[in-house]
Structure formats: structure tokens, C-alpha cells
PDB file of N, CA and C in Angstrom:
ATOM      1  N   MET A   1     -58.231 -52.461 -42.331  1.00  0.00           N
ATOM      2  CA  MET A   1     -56.828 -52.446 -41.967  1.00  0.00           C
ATOM      3  C   MET A   1     -56.431 -53.844 -41.519  1.00  0.00           C
ATOM      4  N   ALA A   2     -55.306 -54.310 -41.998  1.00  0.00           N
ATOM      5  CA  ALA A   2     -54.841 -55.668 -41.678  1.00  0.00           C
ATOM      6  C   ALA A   2     -54.303 -55.725 -40.259  1.00  0.00           C
ATOM      7  N   LYS A   3     -54.581 -56.836 -39.617  1.00  0.00           N
ATOM      8  CA  LYS A   3     -54.121 -57.029 -38.247  1.00  0.00           C
ATOM      9  C   LYS A   3     -52.721 -57.642 -38.269  1.00  0.00           C
ATOM     10  N   ALA A   4     -51.864 -57.201 -37.370  1.00  0.00           N
ATOM     11  CA  ALA A   4     -50.494 -57.744 -37.316  1.00  0.00           C
ATOM     12  C   ALA A   4     -50.553 -59.215 -36.931  1.00  0.00           C
ATOM     13  N   ARG A   5     -49.826 -60.033 -37.674  1.00  0.00           N
ATOM     14  CA  ARG A   5     -49.851 -61.472 -37.435  1.00  0.00           C
ATOM     15  C   ARG A   5     -49.005 -61.879 -36.244  1.00  0.00           C
ATOM     16  N   PHE A   6     -47.850 -61.256 -36.112  1.00  0.00           N
ATOM     17  CA  PHE A   6     -46.927 -61.625 -35.047  1.00  0.00           C
ATOM     18  C   PHE A   6     -46.699 -60.426 -34.139  1.00  0.00           C
ATOM     19  N   LYS A   7     -46.530 -60.725 -32.873  1.00  0.00           N
ATOM     20  CA  LYS A   7     -46.176 -59.671 -31.925  1.00  0.00           C
ATOM     21  C   LYS A   7     -44.690 -59.376 -32.055  1.00  0.00           C
ATOM     22  N   GLU A   8     -44.273 -58.282 -31.489  1.00  0.00           N
ATOM     23  CA  GLU A   8     -42.843 -57.974 -31.482  1.00  0.00           C
ATOM     24  C   GLU A   8     -42.117 -58.978 -30.614  1.00  0.00           C
ATOM     25  N   LYS A   9     -40.814 -59.137 -30.860  1.00  0.00           N
ATOM     26  CA  LYS A   9     -40.020 -60.119 -30.123  1.00  0.00           C
ATOM     27  C   LYS A   9     -40.077 -59.905 -28.618  1.00  0.00           C
ATOM     28  N   LYS A  10     -40.047 -58.655 -28.192  1.00  0.00           N
ATOM     29  CA  LYS A  10     -40.010 -58.378 -26.760  1.00  0.00           C
ATOM     30  C   LYS A  10     -41.314 -58.760 -26.068  1.00  0.00           C
ATOM     31  N   ASP A  11     -42.414 -58.848 -26.837  1.00  0.00           N
ATOM     32  CA  ASP A  11     -43.703 -59.193 -26.253  1.00  0.00           C
ATOM     33  C   ASP A  11     -43.940 -60.698 -26.181  1.00  0.00           C
ATOM     34  N   ARG A  12     -43.121 -61.479 -26.860  1.00  0.00           N
ATOM     35  CA  ARG A  12     -43.316 -62.930 -26.863  1.00  0.00           C
ATOM     36  C   ARG A  12     -42.959 -63.533 -25.513  1.00  0.00           C
ATOM     37  N   PRO A  13     -43.686 -64.566 -25.102  1.00  0.00           N
ATOM     38  CA  PRO A  13     -43.300 -65.242 -23.855  1.00  0.00           C
ATOM     39  C   PRO A  13     -41.977 -65.967 -24.048  1.00  0.00           C
ATOM     40  N   GLY A  14     -41.121 -65.914 -23.036  1.00  0.00           N
ATOM     41  CA  GLY A  14     -39.832 -66.594 -23.120  1.00  0.00           C
ATOM     42  C   GLY A  14     -38.764 -65.795 -23.827  1.00  0.00           C
ATOM     43  N   ALA A  15     -38.999 -64.521 -24.105  1.00  0.00           N
ATOM     44  CA  ALA A  15     -38.004 -63.700 -24.798  1.00  0.00           C
ATOM     45  C   ALA A  15     -36.780 -63.466 -23.923  1.00  0.00           C
ATOM     46  N   ASP A  16     -36.968 -63.498 -22.605  1.00  0.00           N
ATOM     47  CA  ASP A  16     -35.853 -63.269 -21.690  1.00  0.00           C
ATOM     48  C   ASP A  16     -34.892 -64.450 -21.645  1.00  0.00           C
ATOM     49  N   GLU A  17     -35.304 -65.608 -22.107  1.00  0.00           N
ATOM     50  CA  GLU A  17     -34.474 -66.809 -22.043  1.00  0.00           C
ATOM     51  C   GLU A  17     -33.272 -66.728 -22.975  1.00  0.00           C
ATOM     52  N   ASN A  18     -33.332 -65.881 -23.987  1.00  0.00           N
ATOM     53  CA  ASN A  18     -32.264 -65.810 -24.975  1.00  0.00           C
ATOM     54  C   ASN A  18     -31.141 -64.869 -24.582  1.00  0.00           C
ATOM     55  N   ILE A  19     -31.217 -64.246 -23.413  1.00  0.00           N
ATOM     56  CA  ILE A  19     -30.179 -63.325 -22.973  1.00  0.00           C
ATOM     57  C   ILE A  19     -28.929 -64.118 -22.623  1.00  0.00           C
ATOM     58  N   LYS A  20     -27.776 -63.674 -23.147  1.00  0.00           N
ATOM     59  CA  LYS A  20     -26.519 -64.378 -22.884  1.00  0.00           C
ATOM     60  C   LYS A  20     -26.074 -64.156 -21.450  1.00  0.00           C
ATOM     61  N   GLU A  21     -25.367 -65.152 -20.912  1.00  0.00           N
ATOM     62  CA  GLU A  21     -24.850 -65.018 -19.559  1.00  0.00           C
ATOM     63  C   GLU A  21     -23.635 -64.101 -19.558  1.00  0.00           C
ATOM     64  N   GLU A  22     -23.453 -63.422 -18.447  1.00  0.00           N
ATOM     65  CA  GLU A  22     -22.330 -62.503 -18.302  1.00  0.00           C
ATOM     66  C   GLU A  22     -21.028 -63.280 -18.175  1.00  0.00           C
ATOM     67  N   GLY A  23     -19.951 -62.704 -18.681  1.00  0.00           N
ATOM     68  CA  GLY A  23     -18.638 -63.304 -18.537  1.00  0.00           C
ATOM     69  C   GLY A  23     -18.004 -62.897 -17.220  1.00  0.00           C
ATOM     70  N   ILE A  24     -16.933 -63.577 -16.853  1.00  0.00           N
ATOM     71  CA  ILE A  24     -16.208 -63.291 -15.619  1.00  0.00           C
ATOM     72  C   ILE A  24     -15.040 -62.388 -15.985  1.00  0.00           C
ATOM     73  N   GLU A  25     -14.988 -61.166 -15.426  1.00  0.00           N
ATOM     74  CA  GLU A  25     -13.926 -60.221 -15.770  1.00  0.00           C
ATOM     75  C   GLU A  25     -12.715 -60.416 -14.886  1.00  0.00           C
ATOM     76  N   VAL A  26     -11.547 -60.626 -15.518  1.00  0.00           N
ATOM     77  CA  VAL A  26     -10.279 -60.787 -14.811  1.00  0.00           C
ATOM     78  C   VAL A  26      -9.212 -60.009 -15.571  1.00  0.00           C
ATOM     79  N   SER A  27      -8.057 -59.823 -14.948  1.00  0.00           N
ATOM     80  CA  SER A  27      -6.957 -59.153 -15.641  1.00  0.00           C
ATOM     81  C   SER A  27      -5.778 -60.108 -15.727  1.00  0.00           C
ATOM     82  N   GLY A  28      -4.914 -59.841 -16.692  1.00  0.00           N
ATOM     83  CA  GLY A  28      -3.774 -60.715 -16.902  1.00  0.00           C
ATOM     84  C   GLY A  28      -2.733 -60.067 -17.791  1.00  0.00           C
ATOM     85  N   THR A  29      -1.715 -60.865 -18.140  1.00  0.00           N
ATOM     86  CA  THR A  29      -0.614 -60.399 -18.974  1.00  0.00           C
ATOM     87  C   THR A  29      -0.510 -61.289 -20.204  1.00  0.00           C
ATOM     88  N   VAL A  30      -0.380 -60.665 -21.373  1.00  0.00           N
ATOM     89  CA  VAL A  30      -0.247 -61.420 -22.619  1.00  0.00           C
ATOM     90  C   VAL A  30       1.142 -62.038 -22.672  1.00  0.00           C
ATOM     91  N   LEU A  31       1.200 -63.342 -22.908  1.00  0.00           N
ATOM     92  CA  LEU A  31       2.482 -64.033 -23.000  1.00  0.00           C
ATOM     93  C   LEU A  31       2.913 -64.251 -24.443  1.00  0.00           C
ATOM     94  N   GLU A  32       1.951 -64.602 -25.299  1.00  0.00           N
ATOM     95  CA  GLU A  32       2.298 -65.002 -26.654  1.00  0.00           C
ATOM     96  C   GLU A  32       1.163 -64.630 -27.603  1.00  0.00           C
ATOM     97  N   LYS A  33       1.526 -64.302 -28.852  1.00  0.00           N
ATOM     98  CA  LYS A  33       0.531 -64.011 -29.879  1.00  0.00           C
ATOM     99  C   LYS A  33       0.535 -65.151 -30.890  1.00  0.00           C
ATOM    100  N   PHE A  34      -0.643 -65.662 -31.225  1.00  0.00           N
ATOM    101  CA  PHE A  34      -0.784 -66.742 -32.191  1.00  0.00           C
ATOM    102  C   PHE A  34      -1.424 -66.210 -33.465  1.00  0.00           C
ATOM    103  N   PRO A  35      -1.270 -66.922 -34.575  1.00  0.00           N
ATOM    104  CA  PRO A  35      -1.939 -66.501 -35.812  1.00  0.00           C
ATOM    105  C   PRO A  35      -3.460 -66.517 -35.645  1.00  0.00           C
ATOM    106  N   GLY A  36      -4.130 -65.681 -36.397  1.00  0.00           N
ATOM    107  CA  GLY A  36      -5.586 -65.642 -36.352  1.00  0.00           C
ATOM    108  C   GLY A  36      -6.139 -64.795 -35.229  1.00  0.00           C
ATOM    109  N   GLY A  37      -5.309 -63.946 -34.632  1.00  0.00           N
ATOM    110  CA  GLY A  37      -5.792 -63.054 -33.586  1.00  0.00           C
ATOM    111  C   GLY A  37      -6.007 -63.703 -32.236  1.00  0.00           C
ATOM    112  N   MET A  38      -5.339 -64.821 -31.976  1.00  0.00           N
ATOM    113  CA  MET A  38      -5.453 -65.487 -30.678  1.00  0.00           C
ATOM    114  C   MET A  38      -4.239 -65.134 -29.827  1.00  0.00           C
ATOM    115  N   PHE A  39      -4.442 -65.112 -28.512  1.00  0.00           N
ATOM    116  CA  PHE A  39      -3.385 -64.749 -27.576  1.00  0.00           C
ATOM    117  C   PHE A  39      -3.383 -65.706 -26.399  1.00  0.00           C
ATOM    118  N   SER A  40      -2.192 -65.949 -25.862  1.00  0.00           N
ATOM    119  CA  SER A  40      -2.053 -66.709 -24.627  1.00  0.00           C
ATOM    120  C   SER A  40      -1.892 -65.691 -23.509  1.00  0.00           C
ATOM    121  N   VAL A  41      -2.783 -65.740 -22.507  1.00  0.00           N
ATOM    122  CA  VAL A  41      -2.796 -64.757 -21.423  1.00  0.00           C
ATOM    123  C   VAL A  41      -2.664 -65.485 -20.092  1.00  0.00           C
ATOM    124  N   GLU A  42      -1.769 -64.957 -19.227  1.00  0.00           N
ATOM    125  CA  GLU A  42      -1.621 -65.505 -17.879  1.00  0.00           C
ATOM    126  C   GLU A  42      -2.426 -64.631 -16.923  1.00  0.00           C
ATOM    127  N   LEU A  43      -3.326 -65.237 -16.161  1.00  0.00           N
ATOM    128  CA  LEU A  43      -4.170 -64.492 -15.227  1.00  0.00           C
ATOM    129  C   LEU A  43      -3.365 -64.048 -14.022  1.00  0.00           C
ATOM    130  N   GLU A  44      -3.738 -62.903 -13.435  1.00  0.00           N
ATOM    131  CA  GLU A  44      -3.014 -62.364 -12.281  1.00  0.00           C
ATOM    132  C   GLU A  44      -3.370 -63.086 -10.986  1.00  0.00           C
ATOM    133  N   GLN A  45      -4.661 -63.359 -10.757  1.00  0.00           N
ATOM    134  CA  GLN A  45      -5.086 -63.956  -9.498  1.00  0.00           C
ATOM    135  C   GLN A  45      -4.496 -65.348  -9.311  1.00  0.00           C
ATOM    136  N   ARG A  46      -4.692 -66.180 -10.280  1.00  0.00           N
ATOM    137  CA  ARG A  46      -4.131 -67.534 -10.224  1.00  0.00           C
ATOM    138  C   ARG A  46      -3.289 -67.710 -11.474  1.00  0.00           C
ATOM    139  N   LYS A  47      -2.192 -68.356 -11.342  1.00  0.00           N
ATOM    140  CA  LYS A  47      -1.263 -68.501 -12.471  1.00  0.00           C
ATOM    141  C   LYS A  47      -1.799 -69.539 -13.450  1.00  0.00           C
ATOM    142  N   GLN A  48      -2.858 -69.143 -14.164  1.00  0.00           N
ATOM    143  CA  GLN A  48      -3.517 -70.026 -15.118  1.00  0.00           C
ATOM    144  C   GLN A  48      -3.394 -69.417 -16.510  1.00  0.00           C
ATOM    145  N   LEU A  49      -3.174 -70.253 -17.524  1.00  0.00           N
ATOM    146  CA  LEU A  49      -3.099 -69.776 -18.900  1.00  0.00           C
ATOM    147  C   LEU A  49      -4.473 -69.855 -19.549  1.00  0.00           C
ATOM    148  N   VAL A  50      -4.806 -68.807 -20.302  1.00  0.00           N
ATOM    149  CA  VAL A  50      -6.094 -68.720 -20.978  1.00  0.00           C
ATOM    150  C   VAL A  50      -5.836 -68.389 -22.438  1.00  0.00           C
ATOM    151  N   LEU A  51      -6.584 -69.007 -23.335  1.00  0.00           N
ATOM    152  CA  LEU A  51      -6.513 -68.692 -24.751  1.00  0.00           C
ATOM    153  C   LEU A  51      -7.595 -67.654 -25.035  1.00  0.00           C
ATOM    154  N   ALA A  52      -7.206 -66.487 -25.548  1.00  0.00           N
ATOM    155  CA  ALA A  52      -8.167 -65.386 -25.708  1.00  0.00           C
ATOM    156  C   ALA A  52      -8.079 -64.780 -27.104  1.00  0.00           C
ATOM    157  N   HIS A  53      -9.189 -64.196 -27.545  1.00  0.00           N
ATOM    158  CA  HIS A  53      -9.225 -63.457 -28.808  1.00  0.00           C
ATOM    159  C   HIS A  53      -9.643 -62.015 -28.519  1.00  0.00           C
ATOM    160  N   LEU A  54      -9.476 -61.144 -29.511  1.00  0.00           N
ATOM    161  CA  LEU A  54      -9.800 -59.724 -29.340  1.00  0.00           C
ATOM    162  C   LEU A  54     -11.300 -59.482 -29.434  1.00  0.00           C
ATOM    163  N   ALA A  55     -11.801 -58.577 -28.615  1.00  0.00           N
ATOM    164  CA  ALA A  55     -13.191 -58.143 -28.719  1.00  0.00           C
ATOM    165  C   ALA A  55     -13.342 -57.320 -29.997  1.00  0.00           C
ATOM    166  N   GLY A  56     -14.548 -57.266 -30.516  1.00  0.00           N
ATOM    167  CA  GLY A  56     -14.817 -56.557 -31.763  1.00  0.00           C
ATOM    168  C   GLY A  56     -14.457 -55.086 -31.706  1.00  0.00           C
ATOM    169  N   ARG A  57     -14.649 -54.462 -30.550  1.00  0.00           N
ATOM    170  CA  ARG A  57     -14.340 -53.033 -30.399  1.00  0.00           C
ATOM    171  C   ARG A  57     -12.845 -52.785 -30.555  1.00  0.00           C
ATOM    172  N   LEU A  58     -12.008 -53.682 -29.991  1.00  0.00           N
ATOM    173  CA  LEU A  58     -10.556 -53.530 -30.126  1.00  0.00           C
ATOM    174  C   LEU A  58     -10.122 -53.793 -31.562  1.00  0.00           C
ATOM    175  N   ARG A  59     -10.749 -54.776 -32.186  1.00  0.00           N
ATOM    176  CA  ARG A  59     -10.427 -55.108 -33.572  1.00  0.00           C
ATOM    177  C   ARG A  59     -10.823 -53.957 -34.496  1.00  0.00           C
ATOM    178  N   LYS A  60     -12.003 -53.390 -34.260  1.00  0.00           N
ATOM    179  CA  LYS A  60     -12.517 -52.290 -35.088  1.00  0.00           C
ATOM    180  C   LYS A  60     -11.616 -51.065 -35.006  1.00  0.00           C
ATOM    181  N   ASN A  61     -11.143 -50.746 -33.806  1.00  0.00           N
ATOM    182  CA  ASN A  61     -10.287 -49.571 -33.613  1.00  0.00           C
ATOM    183  C   ASN A  61      -8.806 -49.877 -33.791  1.00  0.00           C
ATOM    184  N   ARG A  62      -8.496 -51.077 -34.224  1.00  0.00           N
ATOM    185  CA  ARG A  62      -7.125 -51.528 -34.516  1.00  0.00           C
ATOM    186  C   ARG A  62      -6.179 -51.319 -33.341  1.00  0.00           C
ATOM    187  N   ILE A  63      -6.603 -51.744 -32.156  1.00  0.00           N
ATOM    188  CA  ILE A  63      -5.760 -51.670 -30.964  1.00  0.00           C
ATOM    189  C   ILE A  63      -4.764 -52.817 -31.029  1.00  0.00           C
ATOM    190  N   ARG A  64      -3.479 -52.490 -30.974  1.00  0.00           N
ATOM    191  CA  ARG A  64      -2.442 -53.517 -31.051  1.00  0.00           C
ATOM    192  C   ARG A  64      -2.193 -54.124 -29.688  1.00  0.00           C
ATOM    193  N   ILE A  65      -2.113 -55.430 -29.643  1.00  0.00           N
ATOM    194  CA  ILE A  65      -1.795 -56.151 -28.416  1.00  0.00           C
ATOM    195  C   ILE A  65      -0.476 -56.871 -28.652  1.00  0.00           C
ATOM    196  N   LEU A  66       0.487 -56.647 -27.767  1.00  0.00           N
ATOM    197  CA  LEU A  66       1.804 -57.268 -27.887  1.00  0.00           C
ATOM    198  C   LEU A  66       2.094 -58.091 -26.638  1.00  0.00           C
ATOM    199  N   PRO A  67       2.982 -59.078 -26.749  1.00  0.00           N
ATOM    200  CA  PRO A  67       3.372 -59.832 -25.548  1.00  0.00           C
ATOM    201  C   PRO A  67       3.933 -58.889 -24.486  1.00  0.00           C
ATOM    202  N   GLY A  68       3.488 -59.071 -23.250  1.00  0.00           N
ATOM    203  CA  GLY A  68       3.897 -58.204 -22.154  1.00  0.00           C
ATOM    204  C   GLY A  68       2.843 -57.183 -21.764  1.00  0.00           C
ATOM    205  N   ASP A  69       1.841 -56.959 -22.614  1.00  0.00           N
ATOM    206  CA  ASP A  69       0.777 -55.996 -22.308  1.00  0.00           C
ATOM    207  C   ASP A  69      -0.128 -56.528 -21.204  1.00  0.00           C
ATOM    208  N   ARG A  70      -0.556 -55.611 -20.309  1.00  0.00           N
ATOM    209  CA  ARG A  70      -1.564 -55.968 -19.303  1.00  0.00           C
ATOM    210  C   ARG A  70      -2.931 -55.735 -19.925  1.00  0.00           C
ATOM    211  N   VAL A  71      -3.826 -56.697 -19.784  1.00  0.00           N
ATOM    212  CA  VAL A  71      -5.143 -56.620 -20.406  1.00  0.00           C
ATOM    213  C   VAL A  71      -6.228 -57.039 -19.414  1.00  0.00           C
ATOM    214  N   THR A  72      -7.452 -56.617 -19.715  1.00  0.00           N
ATOM    215  CA  THR A  72      -8.632 -57.111 -19.010  1.00  0.00           C
ATOM    216  C   THR A  72      -9.327 -58.061 -19.962  1.00  0.00           C
ATOM    217  N   LEU A  73      -9.725 -59.212 -19.464  1.00  0.00           N
ATOM    218  CA  LEU A  73     -10.436 -60.133 -20.327  1.00  0.00           C
ATOM    219  C   LEU A  73     -11.669 -60.680 -19.654  1.00  0.00           C
ATOM    220  N   GLU A  74     -12.574 -61.141 -20.486  1.00  0.00           N
ATOM    221  CA  GLU A  74     -13.847 -61.677 -20.037  1.00  0.00           C
ATOM    222  C   GLU A  74     -13.815 -63.174 -20.305  1.00  0.00           C
ATOM    223  N   LEU A  75     -13.868 -63.967 -19.240  1.00  0.00           N
ATOM    224  CA  LEU A  75     -13.835 -65.420 -19.382  1.00  0.00           C
ATOM    225  C   LEU A  75     -15.232 -65.949 -19.655  1.00  0.00           C
ATOM    226  N   SER A  76     -15.287 -67.002 -20.432  1.00  0.00           N
ATOM    227  CA  SER A  76     -16.552 -67.665 -20.697  1.00  0.00           C
ATOM    228  C   SER A  76     -17.014 -68.394 -19.439  1.00  0.00           C
ATOM    229  N   PRO A  77     -18.292 -68.282 -19.075  1.00  0.00           N
ATOM    230  CA  PRO A  77     -18.766 -69.000 -17.885  1.00  0.00           C
ATOM    231  C   PRO A  77     -18.799 -70.510 -18.102  1.00  0.00           C
ATOM    232  N   TYR A  78     -18.740 -70.947 -19.348  1.00  0.00           N
ATOM    233  CA  TYR A  78     -18.809 -72.372 -19.660  1.00  0.00           C
ATOM    234  C   TYR A  78     -17.436 -73.019 -19.708  1.00  0.00           C
ATOM    235  N   ASP A  79     -16.430 -72.288 -20.221  1.00  0.00           N
ATOM    236  CA  ASP A  79     -15.077 -72.826 -20.362  1.00  0.00           C
ATOM    237  C   ASP A  79     -14.104 -71.773 -19.838  1.00  0.00           C
ATOM    238  N   LEU A  80     -13.531 -72.008 -18.661  1.00  0.00           N
ATOM    239  CA  LEU A  80     -12.670 -71.009 -18.021  1.00  0.00           C
ATOM    240  C   LEU A  80     -11.273 -70.937 -18.625  1.00  0.00           C
ATOM    241  N   THR A  81     -11.001 -71.685 -19.689  1.00  0.00           N
ATOM    242  CA  THR A  81      -9.707 -71.607 -20.365  1.00  0.00           C
ATOM    243  C   THR A  81      -9.800 -70.773 -21.638  1.00  0.00           C
ATOM    244  N   ARG A  82     -10.960 -70.202 -21.920  1.00  0.00           N
ATOM    245  CA  ARG A  82     -11.176 -69.371 -23.106  1.00  0.00           C
ATOM    246  C   ARG A  82     -11.712 -68.013 -22.691  1.00  0.00           C
ATOM    247  N   GLY A  83     -11.330 -66.970 -23.439  1.00  0.00           N
ATOM    248  CA  GLY A  83     -11.808 -65.641 -23.090  1.00  0.00           C
ATOM    249  C   GLY A  83     -11.724 -64.659 -24.240  1.00  0.00           C
ATOM    250  N   ARG A  84     -12.146 -63.423 -23.953  1.00  0.00           N
ATOM    251  CA  ARG A  84     -12.149 -62.337 -24.928  1.00  0.00           C
ATOM    252  C   ARG A  84     -11.456 -61.143 -24.291  1.00  0.00           C
ATOM    253  N   ILE A  85     -10.439 -60.602 -24.966  1.00  0.00           N
ATOM    254  CA  ILE A  85      -9.717 -59.430 -24.460  1.00  0.00           C
ATOM    255  C   ILE A  85     -10.586 -58.201 -24.710  1.00  0.00           C
ATOM    256  N   THR A  86     -10.918 -57.485 -23.620  1.00  0.00           N
ATOM    257  CA  THR A  86     -11.819 -56.339 -23.740  1.00  0.00           C
ATOM    258  C   THR A  86     -11.130 -54.995 -23.544  1.00  0.00           C
ATOM    259  N   TYR A  87      -9.926 -54.967 -22.941  1.00  0.00           N
ATOM    260  CA  TYR A  87      -9.253 -53.691 -22.682  1.00  0.00           C
ATOM    261  C   TYR A  87      -7.754 -53.921 -22.558  1.00  0.00           C
ATOM    262  N   ARG A  88      -6.956 -52.982 -23.111  1.00  0.00           N
ATOM    263  CA  ARG A  88      -5.493 -53.021 -22.960  1.00  0.00           C
ATOM    264  C   ARG A  88      -5.077 -51.816 -22.134  1.00  0.00           C
ATOM    265  N   PHE A  89      -4.350 -52.070 -21.039  1.00  0.00           N
ATOM    266  CA  PHE A  89      -3.857 -50.977 -20.202  1.00  0.00           C
ATOM    267  C   PHE A  89      -2.662 -50.321 -20.878  1.00  0.00           C
ATOM    268  N   ARG A  90      -2.496 -49.015 -20.660  1.00  0.00           N
ATOM    269  CA  ARG A  90      -1.376 -48.292 -21.282  1.00  0.00           C
ATOM    270  C   ARG A  90      -0.094 -48.540 -20.556  1.00  0.00           C
TER     271      ARG A  90
END
């Protein structure tokens, strides 16, 4: 019987290093819609503008986002002016 050449990914040393960092969850209001699925969102806590795109789950389920909608978004830990819209409030 042939011996397995490589171990599974989870067994390799350093496999935990590839885990992505968590985003910062904030809420805001959509101000403007841009072509290509981008949105300008104003944060509630501080009056800062963020450029955000739709999360895959919202895109897959065809959730419409319009200016004036309240949304939850996940900010990138590296660039606080970019984010991903994860939820639209009714």
C-alpha cells in the first residue's frame, strides 16, 4: 500500500497563519449607489464616508440596496475607508 506523500492542510505546521482577520462591524446609511455594485455609506458613530460593496450572500439572494437604506457593514482592518455590506435593515 502506498504511503501518503503529503499530510492534510490542517496538519501542516503554520496552517493557522492563513486565517483572515476579522472585520470591524458598524452600521450606517447608504448615501449613493455607484456603477459596479459600489456604495457610498455614512457611518452612524462618526460621520465618516466609506466605500462599500455587497457581500456575496446579498448578491446571491438579489437583495436590493437603495440610497437611504440602513445597513450593517464590515470594515477592513487594513483600510477603514473600505467595507462590505453584510445586512440591510427593513
